Amino acid sequence: MIKKPLPTIGVDRYTFFKLTSDDATGALYGTPYNLKGTVEISPTDAGGSDVFDADNGAYETSSYIEKLGHEITNADIPPEVDALWRGSERKSGVVEVGSDTKTVYFGVAWRILKSDGSYRYVRYYKGSYSFASNVGGKTKTSQGSVDRQTAKATYTAVQRDFDNNYYAYFDESDLPEGITKAEFEENWFTDMNYYPEV
């Protein structure tokens, strides 16, 4: 039975994990970090198809996906997160940005609220962040409503070496009997290799 499609109305619990190793034996991740203040997550995925012509016509069609990842809009990107994503260390709390940049890989997970009150859970296994400086600002208005600014970052996904997977998602309505929502969420947001199996 195909379920009725439902619109999504919210997103939260954006959690990232530093990828510490990724090889034929498995992928290991560091301690989860929950980034507060998520405003929006927009996929950057783009897909298409190519037609190979032979025998005076369409002979074979292949589909592809490119630019896998997402753009996150957040209330702010705190200095400690900025340093982690750039692969740099803070000196006495100061984030210094220079030309010595490193590519650091992270796994990431979040949940999307659907209109019926249930959740869709998403995780990307391996990717890196790119983002502009978050030191811009705008003067506060002297009257009227506050014009709030946000920070943005782009997460570009690559295939995990361990199993060649990019990402996965799971709907709460598919939880097997014997697993509670609380148990599932505890594992989803602490273990990037977790599957809801009884």
N, C-alpha and C. Protein backbone atom coordinates (compact mmCIF):
# COMPACT_ATOMS: atom_id res chain seq x y z
N MET A 1 0.84 -1.18 0.00
CA MET A 1 0.00 0.00 0.00
C MET A 1 0.88 1.25 0.00
N ILE A 2 0.65 2.15 -0.92
CA ILE A 2 1.40 3.40 -1.00
C ILE A 2 0.74 4.43 -0.10
N LYS A 3 1.56 5.05 0.76
CA LYS A 3 1.01 6.02 1.69
C LYS A 3 0.75 7.36 1.01
N LYS A 4 -0.19 8.09 1.56
CA LYS A 4 -0.52 9.42 1.03
C LYS A 4 0.66 10.36 1.26
N PRO A 5 1.10 11.07 0.22
CA PRO A 5 2.19 12.04 0.41
C PRO A 5 1.74 13.17 1.33
N LEU A 6 2.64 13.60 2.21
CA LEU A 6 2.33 14.66 3.16
C LEU A 6 3.34 15.79 3.05
N PRO A 7 2.87 17.04 3.13
CA PRO A 7 3.83 18.14 3.10
C PRO A 7 4.66 18.18 4.38
N THR A 8 5.86 18.73 4.28
CA THR A 8 6.70 18.89 5.47
C THR A 8 6.56 20.31 5.99
N ILE A 9 6.62 20.45 7.31
CA ILE A 9 6.33 21.76 7.91
C ILE A 9 7.39 22.21 8.91
N GLY A 10 8.48 21.45 9.07
CA GLY A 10 9.49 21.87 10.03
C GLY A 10 10.72 20.99 10.00
N VAL A 11 11.81 21.47 10.59
CA VAL A 11 13.05 20.71 10.64
C VAL A 11 13.79 21.06 11.94
N ASP A 12 14.43 20.05 12.54
CA ASP A 12 15.21 20.30 13.75
C ASP A 12 16.18 19.15 14.00
N ARG A 13 16.87 19.23 15.12
CA ARG A 13 17.84 18.22 15.59
C ARG A 13 18.99 17.99 14.61
N TYR A 14 19.47 19.05 13.99
CA TYR A 14 20.60 18.93 13.07
C TYR A 14 21.84 18.54 13.88
N THR A 15 22.34 17.35 13.61
CA THR A 15 23.44 16.77 14.39
C THR A 15 24.54 16.31 13.46
N PHE A 16 25.78 16.72 13.74
CA PHE A 16 26.87 16.27 12.88
C PHE A 16 27.91 15.50 13.68
N PHE A 17 28.63 14.63 12.99
CA PHE A 17 29.62 13.74 13.58
C PHE A 17 30.88 13.79 12.73
N LYS A 18 32.03 14.01 13.31
CA LYS A 18 33.27 13.98 12.54
C LYS A 18 33.54 12.54 12.11
N LEU A 19 33.84 12.35 10.83
CA LEU A 19 34.18 11.03 10.30
C LEU A 19 35.65 10.76 10.64
N THR A 20 35.90 9.77 11.47
CA THR A 20 37.27 9.50 11.92
C THR A 20 37.99 8.46 11.07
N SER A 21 37.25 7.53 10.47
CA SER A 21 37.85 6.58 9.54
C SER A 21 36.77 6.02 8.62
N ASP A 22 37.20 5.69 7.40
CA ASP A 22 36.28 5.18 6.39
C ASP A 22 37.08 4.30 5.43
N ASP A 23 36.93 3.00 5.59
CA ASP A 23 37.64 2.06 4.72
C ASP A 23 36.81 0.80 4.53
N ALA A 24 37.39 -0.22 3.94
CA ALA A 24 36.65 -1.44 3.63
C ALA A 24 36.07 -2.14 4.85
N THR A 25 36.64 -1.90 6.03
CA THR A 25 36.16 -2.57 7.24
C THR A 25 35.00 -1.84 7.90
N GLY A 26 34.75 -0.57 7.53
CA GLY A 26 33.66 0.17 8.13
C GLY A 26 33.94 1.65 8.23
N ALA A 27 32.95 2.39 8.69
CA ALA A 27 33.08 3.83 8.90
C ALA A 27 32.86 4.14 10.37
N LEU A 28 33.76 4.92 10.95
CA LEU A 28 33.67 5.29 12.36
C LEU A 28 33.51 6.80 12.49
N TYR A 29 32.72 7.20 13.48
CA TYR A 29 32.41 8.62 13.68
C TYR A 29 32.71 9.03 15.11
N GLY A 30 32.98 10.33 15.27
CA GLY A 30 33.24 10.87 16.60
C GLY A 30 31.96 11.21 17.34
N THR A 31 32.09 11.98 18.38
CA THR A 31 30.98 12.37 19.25
C THR A 31 29.98 13.25 18.50
N PRO A 32 28.67 13.00 18.64
CA PRO A 32 27.67 13.84 17.97
C PRO A 32 27.64 15.26 18.54
N TYR A 33 27.40 16.23 17.66
CA TYR A 33 27.28 17.64 18.05
C TYR A 33 25.95 18.15 17.50
N ASN A 34 25.05 18.57 18.39
CA ASN A 34 23.75 19.08 17.97
C ASN A 34 23.84 20.59 17.75
N LEU A 35 23.64 21.01 16.51
CA LEU A 35 23.68 22.43 16.16
C LEU A 35 22.29 23.03 16.33
N LYS A 36 22.15 23.93 17.28
CA LYS A 36 20.85 24.56 17.54
C LYS A 36 20.58 25.67 16.54
N GLY A 37 19.31 26.01 16.37
CA GLY A 37 18.93 27.18 15.58
C GLY A 37 18.71 26.93 14.11
N THR A 38 18.35 25.69 13.71
CA THR A 38 18.13 25.39 12.29
C THR A 38 16.88 26.10 11.79
N VAL A 39 17.03 26.83 10.70
CA VAL A 39 15.92 27.54 10.09
C VAL A 39 15.39 26.77 8.87
N GLU A 40 16.31 26.31 8.03
CA GLU A 40 15.90 25.63 6.80
C GLU A 40 17.04 24.75 6.29
N ILE A 41 16.67 23.62 5.69
CA ILE A 41 17.64 22.76 5.00
C ILE A 41 17.11 22.53 3.59
N SER A 42 17.90 22.93 2.60
CA SER A 42 17.49 22.80 1.20
C SER A 42 18.44 21.87 0.47
N PRO A 43 17.92 20.78 -0.14
CA PRO A 43 18.80 19.89 -0.90
C PRO A 43 19.43 20.62 -2.08
N THR A 44 20.68 20.29 -2.37
CA THR A 44 21.36 20.86 -3.54
C THR A 44 21.40 19.85 -4.69
N ASP A 45 20.80 18.68 -4.48
CA ASP A 45 20.83 17.62 -5.49
C ASP A 45 20.23 18.08 -6.82
N ALA A 46 20.85 17.65 -7.87
CA ALA A 46 20.31 17.88 -9.20
C ALA A 46 20.44 16.58 -9.97
N GLY A 47 19.42 16.24 -10.72
CA GLY A 47 19.44 14.98 -11.47
C GLY A 47 19.10 15.20 -12.92
N GLY A 48 19.32 14.18 -13.70
CA GLY A 48 19.01 14.27 -15.12
C GLY A 48 19.16 12.91 -15.76
N SER A 49 19.08 12.90 -17.06
CA SER A 49 19.26 11.65 -17.79
C SER A 49 19.96 11.93 -19.10
N ASP A 50 20.70 10.94 -19.56
CA ASP A 50 21.40 11.01 -20.85
C ASP A 50 20.85 9.92 -21.76
N VAL A 51 20.70 10.25 -23.01
CA VAL A 51 20.25 9.27 -23.99
C VAL A 51 21.41 8.95 -24.92
N PHE A 52 21.70 7.68 -25.07
CA PHE A 52 22.71 7.22 -26.02
C PHE A 52 21.99 6.76 -27.27
N ASP A 53 22.33 7.37 -28.39
CA ASP A 53 21.66 7.05 -29.65
C ASP A 53 22.46 6.03 -30.45
N ALA A 54 21.76 5.04 -30.99
CA ALA A 54 22.35 4.04 -31.88
C ALA A 54 21.23 3.46 -32.73
N ASP A 55 21.57 2.87 -33.85
CA ASP A 55 20.56 2.31 -34.75
C ASP A 55 19.50 3.34 -35.12
N ASN A 56 19.96 4.57 -35.34
CA ASN A 56 19.08 5.67 -35.74
C ASN A 56 17.97 5.97 -34.75
N GLY A 57 18.29 5.86 -33.45
CA GLY A 57 17.28 6.19 -32.44
C GLY A 57 17.84 6.05 -31.04
N ALA A 58 16.96 6.28 -30.08
CA ALA A 58 17.36 6.15 -28.67
C ALA A 58 17.64 4.68 -28.37
N TYR A 59 18.86 4.42 -27.95
CA TYR A 59 19.29 3.04 -27.73
C TYR A 59 19.34 2.70 -26.24
N GLU A 60 19.79 3.66 -25.45
CA GLU A 60 19.90 3.42 -24.01
C GLU A 60 19.80 4.74 -23.27
N THR A 61 19.14 4.71 -22.12
CA THR A 61 19.00 5.90 -21.29
C THR A 61 19.62 5.64 -19.93
N SER A 62 20.38 6.60 -19.45
CA SER A 62 20.97 6.46 -18.11
C SER A 62 20.61 7.67 -17.27
N SER A 63 20.31 7.43 -16.01
CA SER A 63 19.97 8.50 -15.08
C SER A 63 21.15 8.79 -14.17
N TYR A 64 21.22 10.01 -13.67
CA TYR A 64 22.32 10.37 -12.78
C TYR A 64 21.85 11.42 -11.77
N ILE A 65 22.58 11.48 -10.67
CA ILE A 65 22.37 12.52 -9.65
C ILE A 65 23.70 13.21 -9.45
N GLU A 66 23.68 14.53 -9.37
CA GLU A 66 24.91 15.27 -9.13
C GLU A 66 24.68 16.35 -8.08
N LYS A 67 25.77 16.88 -7.58
CA LYS A 67 25.75 17.94 -6.56
C LYS A 67 24.97 17.51 -5.33
N LEU A 68 25.17 16.27 -4.90
CA LEU A 68 24.47 15.78 -3.71
C LEU A 68 24.90 16.56 -2.47
N GLY A 69 23.93 16.86 -1.64
CA GLY A 69 24.20 17.57 -0.40
C GLY A 69 23.04 18.47 -0.04
N HIS A 70 23.32 19.47 0.78
CA HIS A 70 22.26 20.39 1.20
C HIS A 70 22.85 21.71 1.65
N GLU A 71 22.01 22.70 1.65
CA GLU A 71 22.38 24.01 2.20
C GLU A 71 21.59 24.20 3.49
N ILE A 72 22.30 24.55 4.54
CA ILE A 72 21.63 24.78 5.82
C ILE A 72 21.62 26.28 6.12
N THR A 73 20.44 26.77 6.50
CA THR A 73 20.30 28.14 6.99
C THR A 73 20.11 28.04 8.48
N ASN A 74 20.95 28.72 9.23
CA ASN A 74 20.93 28.61 10.69
C ASN A 74 20.87 29.99 11.32
N ALA A 75 20.38 30.03 12.55
CA ALA A 75 20.35 31.31 13.26
C ALA A 75 21.75 31.91 13.33
N ASP A 76 22.75 31.05 13.48
CA ASP A 76 24.15 31.48 13.51
C ASP A 76 25.01 30.23 13.40
N ILE A 77 26.26 30.41 13.02
CA ILE A 77 27.23 29.33 13.09
C ILE A 77 28.22 29.71 14.18
N PRO A 78 28.11 29.08 15.36
CA PRO A 78 28.97 29.46 16.49
C PRO A 78 30.45 29.25 16.17
N PRO A 79 31.33 30.00 16.84
CA PRO A 79 32.77 29.88 16.58
C PRO A 79 33.32 28.47 16.69
N GLU A 80 32.85 27.70 17.67
CA GLU A 80 33.39 26.35 17.83
C GLU A 80 33.01 25.45 16.65
N VAL A 81 31.80 25.69 16.08
CA VAL A 81 31.37 24.93 14.91
C VAL A 81 32.14 25.39 13.68
N ASP A 82 32.31 26.69 13.53
CA ASP A 82 33.10 27.25 12.44
C ASP A 82 34.49 26.60 12.41
N ALA A 83 35.13 26.53 13.55
CA ALA A 83 36.48 25.94 13.64
C ALA A 83 36.46 24.45 13.30
N LEU A 84 35.48 23.72 13.80
CA LEU A 84 35.38 22.30 13.50
C LEU A 84 35.21 22.05 12.00
N TRP A 85 34.29 22.77 11.38
CA TRP A 85 34.01 22.58 9.97
C TRP A 85 35.19 22.96 9.08
N ARG A 86 35.99 23.94 9.53
CA ARG A 86 37.16 24.36 8.76
C ARG A 86 38.38 23.49 9.06
N GLY A 87 38.30 22.66 10.10
CA GLY A 87 39.44 21.85 10.48
C GLY A 87 40.54 22.65 11.14
N SER A 88 40.15 23.72 11.83
CA SER A 88 41.13 24.55 12.52
C SER A 88 40.88 24.53 14.02
N GLU A 89 41.84 25.05 14.76
CA GLU A 89 41.72 25.11 16.22
C GLU A 89 41.60 26.56 16.67
N ARG A 90 40.78 26.78 17.68
CA ARG A 90 40.66 28.12 18.23
C ARG A 90 41.82 28.37 19.19
N LYS A 91 42.31 29.59 19.18
CA LYS A 91 43.37 30.00 20.11
C LYS A 91 42.76 30.96 21.12
N SER A 92 42.62 30.49 22.35
CA SER A 92 41.99 31.29 23.41
C SER A 92 40.61 31.77 22.98
N GLY A 93 39.89 30.92 22.27
CA GLY A 93 38.54 31.26 21.84
C GLY A 93 38.46 31.99 20.51
N VAL A 94 39.62 32.37 19.93
CA VAL A 94 39.65 33.13 18.69
C VAL A 94 39.72 32.18 17.49
N VAL A 95 38.86 32.40 16.49
CA VAL A 95 38.90 31.63 15.26
C VAL A 95 39.71 32.41 14.24
N GLU A 96 40.82 31.82 13.78
CA GLU A 96 41.64 32.46 12.77
C GLU A 96 41.47 31.70 11.45
N VAL A 97 41.21 32.45 10.38
CA VAL A 97 41.01 31.85 9.07
C VAL A 97 42.12 32.32 8.15
N GLY A 98 42.85 31.37 7.59
CA GLY A 98 43.94 31.69 6.67
C GLY A 98 43.85 30.83 5.43
N SER A 99 44.95 30.75 4.70
CA SER A 99 44.96 29.98 3.46
C SER A 99 45.19 28.49 3.70
N ASP A 100 45.55 28.12 4.91
CA ASP A 100 45.81 26.72 5.24
C ASP A 100 44.49 26.02 5.57
N THR A 101 43.75 25.69 4.53
CA THR A 101 42.45 25.04 4.74
C THR A 101 42.58 23.53 4.59
N LYS A 102 41.76 22.82 5.33
CA LYS A 102 41.76 21.36 5.27
C LYS A 102 40.35 20.89 4.91
N THR A 103 40.27 19.74 4.26
CA THR A 103 38.96 19.13 4.01
C THR A 103 38.70 18.14 5.13
N VAL A 104 37.69 18.44 5.93
CA VAL A 104 37.31 17.57 7.04
C VAL A 104 35.94 16.99 6.72
N TYR A 105 35.80 15.69 6.89
CA TYR A 105 34.53 15.04 6.55
C TYR A 105 33.68 14.79 7.79
N PHE A 106 32.37 14.94 7.58
CA PHE A 106 31.40 14.75 8.64
C PHE A 106 30.22 13.93 8.14
N GLY A 107 29.61 13.18 9.04
CA GLY A 107 28.29 12.62 8.81
C GLY A 107 27.30 13.56 9.47
N VAL A 108 26.05 13.55 9.03
CA VAL A 108 25.07 14.47 9.60
C VAL A 108 23.69 13.82 9.60
N ALA A 109 22.88 14.16 10.60
CA ALA A 109 21.52 13.63 10.71
C ALA A 109 20.58 14.73 11.17
N TRP A 110 19.31 14.64 10.74
CA TRP A 110 18.29 15.57 11.22
C TRP A 110 16.93 14.93 11.04
N ARG A 111 15.89 15.63 11.51
CA ARG A 111 14.54 15.12 11.31
C ARG A 111 13.66 16.22 10.73
N ILE A 112 12.68 15.79 9.94
CA ILE A 112 11.75 16.70 9.27
C ILE A 112 10.34 16.40 9.78
N LEU A 113 9.66 17.41 10.26
CA LEU A 113 8.28 17.25 10.74
C LEU A 113 7.32 17.27 9.57
N LYS A 114 6.42 16.27 9.52
CA LYS A 114 5.41 16.20 8.47
C LYS A 114 4.08 16.72 9.01
N SER A 115 3.17 17.01 8.11
CA SER A 115 1.92 17.67 8.50
C SER A 115 1.03 16.82 9.40
N ASP A 116 1.26 15.50 9.46
CA ASP A 116 0.44 14.67 10.34
C ASP A 116 1.08 14.51 11.72
N GLY A 117 2.18 15.21 11.97
CA GLY A 117 2.84 15.15 13.28
C GLY A 117 3.92 14.08 13.36
N SER A 118 4.11 13.29 12.31
CA SER A 118 5.16 12.28 12.31
C SER A 118 6.44 12.87 11.73
N TYR A 119 7.53 12.12 11.82
CA TYR A 119 8.83 12.62 11.37
C TYR A 119 9.44 11.76 10.27
N ARG A 120 10.20 12.41 9.42
CA ARG A 120 11.10 11.72 8.48
C ARG A 120 12.51 12.01 8.99
N TYR A 121 13.32 10.97 9.07
CA TYR A 121 14.69 11.08 9.57
C TYR A 121 15.67 10.95 8.42
N VAL A 122 16.64 11.83 8.37
CA VAL A 122 17.59 11.89 7.27
C VAL A 122 19.01 11.79 7.82
N ARG A 123 19.90 11.13 7.05
CA ARG A 123 21.32 11.18 7.39
C ARG A 123 22.16 11.11 6.12
N TYR A 124 23.19 11.93 6.09
CA TYR A 124 24.21 11.88 5.06
C TYR A 124 25.46 11.30 5.70
N TYR A 125 26.08 10.34 5.02
CA TYR A 125 27.16 9.59 5.63
C TYR A 125 28.52 10.28 5.60
N LYS A 126 28.78 11.06 4.54
CA LYS A 126 30.11 11.66 4.41
C LYS A 126 30.02 12.91 3.54
N GLY A 127 30.59 13.99 4.03
CA GLY A 127 30.61 15.22 3.25
C GLY A 127 31.40 16.29 3.98
N SER A 128 31.60 17.41 3.30
CA SER A 128 32.35 18.51 3.89
C SER A 128 31.57 19.81 3.74
N TYR A 129 31.90 20.77 4.59
CA TYR A 129 31.19 22.06 4.61
C TYR A 129 31.99 23.14 3.91
N SER A 130 31.28 24.03 3.25
CA SER A 130 31.88 25.25 2.72
C SER A 130 30.93 26.39 3.07
N PHE A 131 31.51 27.50 3.44
CA PHE A 131 30.66 28.63 3.82
C PHE A 131 31.48 29.90 3.83
N ALA A 132 30.81 30.98 3.63
CA ALA A 132 31.46 32.28 3.65
C ALA A 132 31.65 32.73 5.10
N SER A 133 32.41 33.77 5.27
CA SER A 133 32.61 34.33 6.60
C SER A 133 31.27 34.70 7.23
N ASN A 134 31.14 34.43 8.51
CA ASN A 134 29.89 34.77 9.19
C ASN A 134 30.10 35.96 10.13
N VAL A 135 30.91 36.92 9.69
CA VAL A 135 31.19 38.08 10.54
C VAL A 135 30.48 39.34 10.03
N GLY A 136 29.58 39.18 9.06
CA GLY A 136 28.83 40.33 8.57
C GLY A 136 27.78 40.77 9.58
N GLY A 137 27.27 41.93 9.39
CA GLY A 137 26.25 42.45 10.30
C GLY A 137 25.48 43.59 9.66
N LYS A 138 24.40 43.95 10.29
CA LYS A 138 23.56 45.04 9.81
C LYS A 138 23.11 45.84 11.01
N THR A 139 23.12 47.14 10.89
CA THR A 139 22.77 47.97 12.04
C THR A 139 21.33 47.73 12.48
N LYS A 140 21.12 47.81 13.77
CA LYS A 140 19.79 47.59 14.35
C LYS A 140 18.88 48.78 14.02
N THR A 141 17.64 48.48 13.66
CA THR A 141 16.70 49.56 13.34
C THR A 141 16.31 50.31 14.61
N SER A 142 16.05 51.59 14.46
CA SER A 142 15.69 52.40 15.63
C SER A 142 14.24 52.22 16.03
N GLN A 143 13.43 51.67 15.12
CA GLN A 143 12.02 51.44 15.45
C GLN A 143 11.49 50.31 14.58
N GLY A 144 10.36 49.78 14.95
CA GLY A 144 9.76 48.70 14.17
C GLY A 144 10.30 47.33 14.55
N SER A 145 9.94 46.34 13.76
CA SER A 145 10.32 44.96 14.06
C SER A 145 11.81 44.72 13.79
N VAL A 146 12.35 43.74 14.47
CA VAL A 146 13.76 43.41 14.32
C VAL A 146 13.96 42.65 13.01
N ASP A 147 14.98 43.04 12.24
CA ASP A 147 15.33 42.35 10.99
C ASP A 147 16.44 41.37 11.31
N ARG A 148 16.08 40.10 11.47
CA ARG A 148 17.07 39.11 11.89
C ARG A 148 17.86 38.59 10.71
N GLN A 149 19.14 38.34 10.95
CA GLN A 149 20.00 37.77 9.93
C GLN A 149 20.30 36.32 10.26
N THR A 150 20.65 35.56 9.25
CA THR A 150 20.98 34.15 9.44
C THR A 150 22.32 33.84 8.78
N ALA A 151 22.85 32.69 9.10
CA ALA A 151 24.10 32.22 8.49
C ALA A 151 23.80 31.00 7.63
N LYS A 152 24.58 30.81 6.57
CA LYS A 152 24.36 29.68 5.67
C LYS A 152 25.65 28.90 5.47
N ALA A 153 25.50 27.61 5.23
CA ALA A 153 26.63 26.75 4.90
C ALA A 153 26.15 25.70 3.91
N THR A 154 27.05 25.23 3.08
CA THR A 154 26.72 24.19 2.11
C THR A 154 27.48 22.92 2.46
N TYR A 155 26.74 21.82 2.52
CA TYR A 155 27.32 20.51 2.80
C TYR A 155 27.34 19.74 1.47
N THR A 156 28.54 19.38 1.02
CA THR A 156 28.68 18.62 -0.23
C THR A 156 28.97 17.17 0.11
N ALA A 157 28.08 16.29 -0.32
CA ALA A 157 28.20 14.87 0.01
C ALA A 157 29.08 14.15 -1.00
N VAL A 158 29.83 13.18 -0.50
CA VAL A 158 30.59 12.26 -1.34
C VAL A 158 30.25 10.84 -0.90
N GLN A 159 30.56 9.88 -1.74
CA GLN A 159 30.28 8.49 -1.38
C GLN A 159 31.18 8.04 -0.25
N ARG A 160 30.60 7.31 0.68
CA ARG A 160 31.38 6.72 1.75
C ARG A 160 32.19 5.56 1.16
N ASP A 161 33.49 5.50 1.46
CA ASP A 161 34.34 4.43 0.92
C ASP A 161 33.86 3.06 1.37
N PHE A 162 33.38 2.96 2.59
CA PHE A 162 32.97 1.68 3.18
C PHE A 162 31.92 0.95 2.34
N ASP A 163 30.87 1.68 1.91
CA ASP A 163 29.77 1.01 1.20
C ASP A 163 29.25 1.78 -0.02
N ASN A 164 29.93 2.87 -0.38
CA ASN A 164 29.57 3.70 -1.54
C ASN A 164 28.22 4.39 -1.42
N ASN A 165 27.68 4.50 -0.20
CA ASN A 165 26.40 5.18 -0.01
C ASN A 165 26.60 6.67 0.25
N TYR A 166 25.61 7.46 -0.18
CA TYR A 166 25.62 8.90 0.05
C TYR A 166 24.78 9.27 1.27
N TYR A 167 23.51 8.85 1.23
CA TYR A 167 22.58 9.26 2.29
C TYR A 167 21.49 8.21 2.45
N ALA A 168 20.69 8.39 3.51
CA ALA A 168 19.57 7.49 3.79
C ALA A 168 18.47 8.29 4.49
N TYR A 169 17.24 7.82 4.38
CA TYR A 169 16.16 8.44 5.15
C TYR A 169 15.13 7.38 5.53
N PHE A 170 14.36 7.72 6.55
CA PHE A 170 13.45 6.75 7.15
C PHE A 170 12.25 7.47 7.73
N ASP A 171 11.04 6.96 7.48
CA ASP A 171 9.82 7.56 8.02
C ASP A 171 9.41 6.87 9.31
N GLU A 172 9.00 7.68 10.26
CA GLU A 172 8.57 7.17 11.57
C GLU A 172 7.47 6.12 11.44
N SER A 173 6.61 6.26 10.44
CA SER A 173 5.50 5.32 10.26
C SER A 173 5.99 3.91 9.90
N ASP A 174 7.26 3.76 9.54
CA ASP A 174 7.81 2.45 9.19
C ASP A 174 8.56 1.78 10.35
N LEU A 175 8.43 2.35 11.55
CA LEU A 175 9.10 1.74 12.71
C LEU A 175 8.58 0.32 12.94
N PRO A 176 9.47 -0.65 13.04
CA PRO A 176 9.01 -2.02 13.30
C PRO A 176 8.48 -2.16 14.72
N GLU A 177 7.59 -3.12 14.92
CA GLU A 177 7.06 -3.37 16.26
C GLU A 177 8.20 -3.77 17.18
N GLY A 178 8.13 -3.28 18.40
CA GLY A 178 9.17 -3.61 19.37
C GLY A 178 10.21 -2.52 19.52
N ILE A 179 10.17 -1.50 18.66
CA ILE A 179 11.10 -0.37 18.77
C ILE A 179 10.28 0.89 19.00
N THR A 180 10.56 1.58 20.08
CA THR A 180 9.83 2.81 20.39
C THR A 180 10.46 3.99 19.65
N LYS A 181 9.69 5.05 19.51
CA LYS A 181 10.20 6.26 18.87
C LYS A 181 11.39 6.81 19.65
N ALA A 182 11.29 6.80 20.97
CA ALA A 182 12.38 7.32 21.81
C ALA A 182 13.66 6.51 21.61
N GLU A 183 13.52 5.20 21.55
CA GLU A 183 14.68 4.32 21.35
C GLU A 183 15.30 4.58 19.97
N PHE A 184 14.43 4.70 18.95
CA PHE A 184 14.91 4.95 17.60
C PHE A 184 15.68 6.26 17.52
N GLU A 185 15.08 7.33 18.06
CA GLU A 185 15.73 8.64 17.99
C GLU A 185 17.04 8.66 18.75
N GLU A 186 17.10 8.01 19.90
CA GLU A 186 18.34 7.95 20.67
C GLU A 186 19.46 7.36 19.82
N ASN A 187 19.16 6.32 19.07
CA ASN A 187 20.17 5.68 18.23
C ASN A 187 20.46 6.45 16.95
N TRP A 188 19.42 7.00 16.31
CA TRP A 188 19.59 7.73 15.05
C TRP A 188 20.53 8.92 15.22
N PHE A 189 20.42 9.59 16.36
CA PHE A 189 21.21 10.80 16.59
C PHE A 189 22.49 10.56 17.38
N THR A 190 22.86 9.31 17.58
CA THR A 190 24.13 9.00 18.25
C THR A 190 24.98 8.00 17.47
N ASP A 191 24.37 7.29 16.52
CA ASP A 191 25.09 6.24 15.80
C ASP A 191 24.77 6.33 14.31
N MET A 192 25.74 6.76 13.50
CA MET A 192 25.52 6.93 12.06
C MET A 192 25.36 5.59 11.32
N ASN A 193 25.64 4.49 11.99
CA ASN A 193 25.53 3.17 11.36
C ASN A 193 24.31 2.39 11.86
N TYR A 194 23.41 3.06 12.57
CA TYR A 194 22.25 2.39 13.18
C TYR A 194 21.16 2.08 12.15
N TYR A 195 20.55 0.89 12.31
CA TYR A 195 19.37 0.50 11.55
C TYR A 195 18.31 0.03 12.53
N PRO A 196 17.04 0.39 12.31
CA PRO A 196 15.97 -0.01 13.24
C PRO A 196 15.54 -1.45 13.05
N GLU A 197 16.35 -2.36 13.53
CA GLU A 197 16.05 -3.78 13.41
C GLU A 197 15.71 -4.35 14.78
N VAL A 198 14.71 -5.22 14.82
CA VAL A 198 14.31 -5.85 16.08
C VAL A 198 15.18 -7.07 16.33
